[in-house]
Amino acid sequence: MGSEIQKTRTCIIVTPNEMNDNLKTVVIAPMTSASRKYPTRVKVKHNNREGWVLIDQIRTIDKIRVVKKFGSLSEKEIRECKRVIRETYVD
């Protein structure tokens, strides 16, 4: 609907493993390869390509919608995503 992402897309799982082990849902932030610098977007490298994590598009989905695991972010990228999430939704 409206400004929501319209297709299946790579994402990062935001919820901690303790929650993921016990719930039927996960909180995700979708990724895109085409974006520009914006305060709620985090630049990452995935599969030897640059992309963006869209912190402003966080949502909860059922685990059955998670199709495949591609890999993980670096520790630096994880810290930056956490910082932006904190700045956007907490502080």
N, C-alpha and C. Protein backbone atom coordinates (compact mmCIF):
# COMPACT_ATOMS: atom_id res chain seq x y z
N MET A 1 0.84 -1.18 0.00
CA MET A 1 0.00 0.00 0.00
C MET A 1 0.89 1.25 0.00
N GLY A 2 0.55 2.24 -0.73
CA GLY A 2 1.23 3.52 -0.70
C GLY A 2 2.73 3.43 -0.86
N SER A 3 3.48 3.86 0.17
CA SER A 3 4.94 3.90 0.12
C SER A 3 5.61 2.61 0.58
N GLU A 4 4.83 1.57 0.87
CA GLU A 4 5.42 0.32 1.30
C GLU A 4 6.15 -0.36 0.15
N ILE A 5 7.14 -1.15 0.49
CA ILE A 5 7.87 -1.93 -0.51
C ILE A 5 6.93 -2.98 -1.09
N GLN A 6 6.94 -3.15 -2.41
CA GLN A 6 5.94 -3.97 -3.09
C GLN A 6 6.38 -5.39 -3.44
N LYS A 7 7.63 -5.74 -3.23
CA LYS A 7 8.08 -7.05 -3.69
C LYS A 7 8.84 -7.79 -2.61
N THR A 8 9.12 -9.07 -2.86
CA THR A 8 9.96 -9.85 -1.96
C THR A 8 11.36 -9.24 -1.98
N ARG A 9 11.94 -9.10 -0.79
CA ARG A 9 13.23 -8.45 -0.77
C ARG A 9 14.08 -8.96 0.38
N THR A 10 15.38 -8.81 0.22
CA THR A 10 16.32 -9.16 1.28
C THR A 10 16.06 -8.27 2.48
N CYS A 11 16.24 -8.84 3.68
CA CYS A 11 16.02 -8.04 4.89
C CYS A 11 16.97 -8.51 5.98
N ILE A 12 17.03 -7.74 7.04
CA ILE A 12 17.76 -8.19 8.22
C ILE A 12 16.74 -8.45 9.31
N ILE A 13 17.01 -9.45 10.14
CA ILE A 13 16.14 -9.72 11.28
C ILE A 13 16.65 -8.89 12.44
N VAL A 14 15.77 -8.10 13.01
CA VAL A 14 16.12 -7.15 14.06
C VAL A 14 15.96 -7.75 15.45
N THR A 15 15.00 -8.64 15.63
CA THR A 15 14.73 -9.21 16.95
C THR A 15 15.87 -10.12 17.40
N PRO A 16 16.13 -10.15 18.72
CA PRO A 16 17.20 -11.01 19.23
C PRO A 16 16.82 -12.49 19.13
N ASN A 17 17.84 -13.35 19.10
CA ASN A 17 17.63 -14.79 18.96
C ASN A 17 16.71 -15.35 20.04
N GLU A 18 16.77 -14.83 21.27
CA GLU A 18 15.93 -15.33 22.36
C GLU A 18 14.45 -15.17 22.00
N MET A 19 14.09 -14.07 21.38
CA MET A 19 12.71 -13.87 20.94
C MET A 19 12.39 -14.75 19.74
N ASN A 20 13.33 -14.82 18.80
CA ASN A 20 13.11 -15.60 17.59
C ASN A 20 12.89 -17.08 17.90
N ASP A 21 13.53 -17.57 18.97
CA ASP A 21 13.40 -18.97 19.36
C ASP A 21 12.03 -19.29 19.95
N ASN A 22 11.31 -18.25 20.43
CA ASN A 22 10.08 -18.49 21.16
C ASN A 22 8.82 -17.92 20.52
N LEU A 23 8.94 -17.12 19.50
CA LEU A 23 7.78 -16.51 18.87
C LEU A 23 7.63 -17.02 17.43
N LYS A 24 6.44 -16.87 16.88
CA LYS A 24 6.19 -17.27 15.50
C LYS A 24 6.41 -16.12 14.53
N THR A 25 6.82 -14.97 15.06
CA THR A 25 7.07 -13.79 14.23
C THR A 25 8.48 -13.28 14.46
N VAL A 26 8.97 -12.49 13.50
CA VAL A 26 10.25 -11.80 13.64
C VAL A 26 10.05 -10.35 13.19
N VAL A 27 10.87 -9.48 13.75
CA VAL A 27 10.86 -8.08 13.33
C VAL A 27 11.99 -7.91 12.34
N ILE A 28 11.69 -7.34 11.19
CA ILE A 28 12.69 -7.20 10.12
C ILE A 28 12.81 -5.76 9.66
N ALA A 29 13.95 -5.48 9.05
CA ALA A 29 14.17 -4.22 8.33
C ALA A 29 14.56 -4.62 6.92
N PRO A 30 13.78 -4.22 5.92
CA PRO A 30 14.10 -4.60 4.54
C PRO A 30 15.37 -3.91 4.04
N MET A 31 15.93 -4.44 2.98
CA MET A 31 17.13 -3.86 2.35
C MET A 31 16.81 -3.49 0.91
N THR A 32 17.59 -2.57 0.39
CA THR A 32 17.48 -2.18 -1.00
C THR A 32 18.87 -1.89 -1.55
N SER A 33 19.02 -1.99 -2.84
CA SER A 33 20.31 -1.66 -3.46
C SER A 33 20.31 -0.24 -4.00
N ALA A 34 19.13 0.36 -4.08
CA ALA A 34 19.02 1.72 -4.62
C ALA A 34 18.43 2.65 -3.58
N SER A 35 19.26 3.49 -3.02
CA SER A 35 18.79 4.47 -2.05
C SER A 35 19.79 5.62 -2.04
N ARG A 36 19.50 6.57 -1.22
CA ARG A 36 20.46 7.66 -1.01
C ARG A 36 20.64 7.85 0.48
N LYS A 37 21.65 8.59 0.84
CA LYS A 37 21.94 8.81 2.26
C LYS A 37 20.74 9.49 2.90
N TYR A 38 20.27 8.88 3.97
CA TYR A 38 19.12 9.39 4.70
C TYR A 38 19.30 8.96 6.15
N PRO A 39 18.89 9.75 7.13
CA PRO A 39 19.19 9.43 8.54
C PRO A 39 18.70 8.06 9.01
N THR A 40 17.68 7.51 8.39
CA THR A 40 17.15 6.21 8.83
C THR A 40 17.57 5.06 7.91
N ARG A 41 18.59 5.28 7.10
CA ARG A 41 19.11 4.25 6.19
C ARG A 41 20.57 3.95 6.56
N VAL A 42 20.92 2.69 6.61
CA VAL A 42 22.28 2.27 6.98
C VAL A 42 22.91 1.58 5.79
N LYS A 43 24.05 2.09 5.35
CA LYS A 43 24.76 1.50 4.22
C LYS A 43 25.50 0.25 4.68
N VAL A 44 25.33 -0.86 3.94
CA VAL A 44 25.98 -2.13 4.28
C VAL A 44 26.52 -2.77 3.01
N LYS A 45 27.38 -3.76 3.20
CA LYS A 45 27.88 -4.55 2.08
C LYS A 45 27.36 -5.97 2.27
N HIS A 46 26.70 -6.48 1.22
CA HIS A 46 26.09 -7.80 1.29
C HIS A 46 26.32 -8.51 -0.04
N ASN A 47 26.85 -9.71 0.01
CA ASN A 47 27.16 -10.47 -1.21
C ASN A 47 28.01 -9.65 -2.19
N ASN A 48 29.01 -8.97 -1.67
CA ASN A 48 29.93 -8.14 -2.44
C ASN A 48 29.24 -6.99 -3.18
N ARG A 49 28.08 -6.58 -2.69
CA ARG A 49 27.36 -5.43 -3.26
C ARG A 49 26.99 -4.47 -2.14
N GLU A 50 26.98 -3.19 -2.46
CA GLU A 50 26.54 -2.22 -1.47
C GLU A 50 25.02 -2.14 -1.49
N GLY A 51 24.45 -1.96 -0.31
CA GLY A 51 23.02 -1.82 -0.19
C GLY A 51 22.69 -0.98 1.03
N TRP A 52 21.42 -0.86 1.30
CA TRP A 52 20.94 -0.04 2.41
C TRP A 52 19.93 -0.83 3.23
N VAL A 53 20.03 -0.73 4.56
CA VAL A 53 19.02 -1.27 5.47
C VAL A 53 18.04 -0.14 5.73
N LEU A 54 16.76 -0.40 5.51
CA LEU A 54 15.73 0.63 5.62
C LEU A 54 15.10 0.59 7.01
N ILE A 55 15.76 1.25 7.97
CA ILE A 55 15.27 1.26 9.35
C ILE A 55 13.89 1.90 9.42
N ASP A 56 13.58 2.81 8.50
CA ASP A 56 12.28 3.48 8.49
C ASP A 56 11.16 2.57 7.97
N GLN A 57 11.48 1.34 7.55
CA GLN A 57 10.47 0.40 7.04
C GLN A 57 10.36 -0.86 7.91
N ILE A 58 10.77 -0.77 9.18
CA ILE A 58 10.72 -1.93 10.08
C ILE A 58 9.28 -2.43 10.21
N ARG A 59 9.15 -3.76 10.22
CA ARG A 59 7.82 -4.37 10.39
C ARG A 59 7.95 -5.77 10.99
N THR A 60 6.85 -6.30 11.47
CA THR A 60 6.80 -7.65 12.01
C THR A 60 6.18 -8.56 10.96
N ILE A 61 6.81 -9.72 10.74
CA ILE A 61 6.28 -10.69 9.78
C ILE A 61 6.26 -12.08 10.41
N ASP A 62 5.46 -12.95 9.86
CA ASP A 62 5.44 -14.35 10.28
C ASP A 62 6.71 -15.03 9.77
N LYS A 63 7.26 -15.93 10.56
CA LYS A 63 8.49 -16.63 10.17
C LYS A 63 8.35 -17.39 8.85
N ILE A 64 7.15 -17.81 8.50
CA ILE A 64 6.99 -18.57 7.25
C ILE A 64 7.29 -17.71 6.03
N ARG A 65 7.32 -16.38 6.20
CA ARG A 65 7.66 -15.51 5.08
C ARG A 65 9.17 -15.40 4.86
N VAL A 66 9.97 -15.86 5.84
CA VAL A 66 11.43 -15.86 5.69
C VAL A 66 11.79 -17.07 4.84
N VAL A 67 12.32 -16.81 3.64
CA VAL A 67 12.52 -17.87 2.67
C VAL A 67 13.91 -18.48 2.76
N LYS A 68 14.95 -17.66 2.92
CA LYS A 68 16.32 -18.15 2.83
C LYS A 68 17.25 -17.24 3.62
N LYS A 69 18.27 -17.84 4.24
CA LYS A 69 19.28 -17.05 4.95
C LYS A 69 20.49 -16.87 4.02
N PHE A 70 20.87 -15.61 3.80
CA PHE A 70 21.99 -15.31 2.91
C PHE A 70 23.30 -15.10 3.65
N GLY A 71 23.26 -14.67 4.89
CA GLY A 71 24.48 -14.39 5.62
C GLY A 71 24.21 -13.44 6.77
N SER A 72 25.25 -12.76 7.20
CA SER A 72 25.15 -11.87 8.35
C SER A 72 25.84 -10.55 8.05
N LEU A 73 25.45 -9.53 8.79
CA LEU A 73 26.14 -8.24 8.72
C LEU A 73 27.41 -8.31 9.55
N SER A 74 28.33 -7.42 9.29
CA SER A 74 29.55 -7.33 10.11
C SER A 74 29.17 -6.72 11.47
N GLU A 75 30.04 -6.89 12.44
CA GLU A 75 29.80 -6.30 13.77
C GLU A 75 29.63 -4.79 13.67
N LYS A 76 30.43 -4.15 12.83
CA LYS A 76 30.33 -2.70 12.65
C LYS A 76 28.96 -2.31 12.08
N GLU A 77 28.49 -3.07 11.10
CA GLU A 77 27.18 -2.79 10.49
C GLU A 77 26.05 -3.03 11.50
N ILE A 78 26.18 -4.07 12.31
CA ILE A 78 25.18 -4.34 13.35
C ILE A 78 25.12 -3.19 14.34
N ARG A 79 26.29 -2.73 14.78
CA ARG A 79 26.33 -1.59 15.74
C ARG A 79 25.68 -0.36 15.14
N GLU A 80 25.94 -0.10 13.85
CA GLU A 80 25.36 1.08 13.20
C GLU A 80 23.84 0.94 13.08
N CYS A 81 23.36 -0.24 12.74
CA CYS A 81 21.90 -0.46 12.67
C CYS A 81 21.27 -0.25 14.05
N LYS A 82 21.89 -0.78 15.09
CA LYS A 82 21.36 -0.60 16.45
C LYS A 82 21.34 0.88 16.83
N ARG A 83 22.39 1.60 16.46
CA ARG A 83 22.45 3.02 16.78
C ARG A 83 21.32 3.79 16.11
N VAL A 84 21.09 3.49 14.83
CA VAL A 84 20.02 4.18 14.09
C VAL A 84 18.65 3.80 14.63
N ILE A 85 18.46 2.53 14.98
CA ILE A 85 17.19 2.11 15.56
C ILE A 85 16.95 2.86 16.87
N ARG A 86 17.97 2.91 17.72
CA ARG A 86 17.86 3.63 19.00
C ARG A 86 17.52 5.10 18.77
N GLU A 87 18.24 5.73 17.86
CA GLU A 87 18.04 7.15 17.57
C GLU A 87 16.65 7.41 16.98
N THR A 88 16.18 6.50 16.14
CA THR A 88 14.90 6.68 15.45
C THR A 88 13.70 6.38 16.35
N TYR A 89 13.77 5.30 17.12
CA TYR A 89 12.59 4.83 17.84
C TYR A 89 12.65 4.99 19.37
N VAL A 90 13.84 5.22 19.93
CA VAL A 90 13.94 5.26 21.38
C VAL A 90 14.23 6.65 21.91
N ASP A 91 15.26 7.27 21.38
CA ASP A 91 15.69 8.58 21.93
C ASP A 91 14.81 9.71 21.44
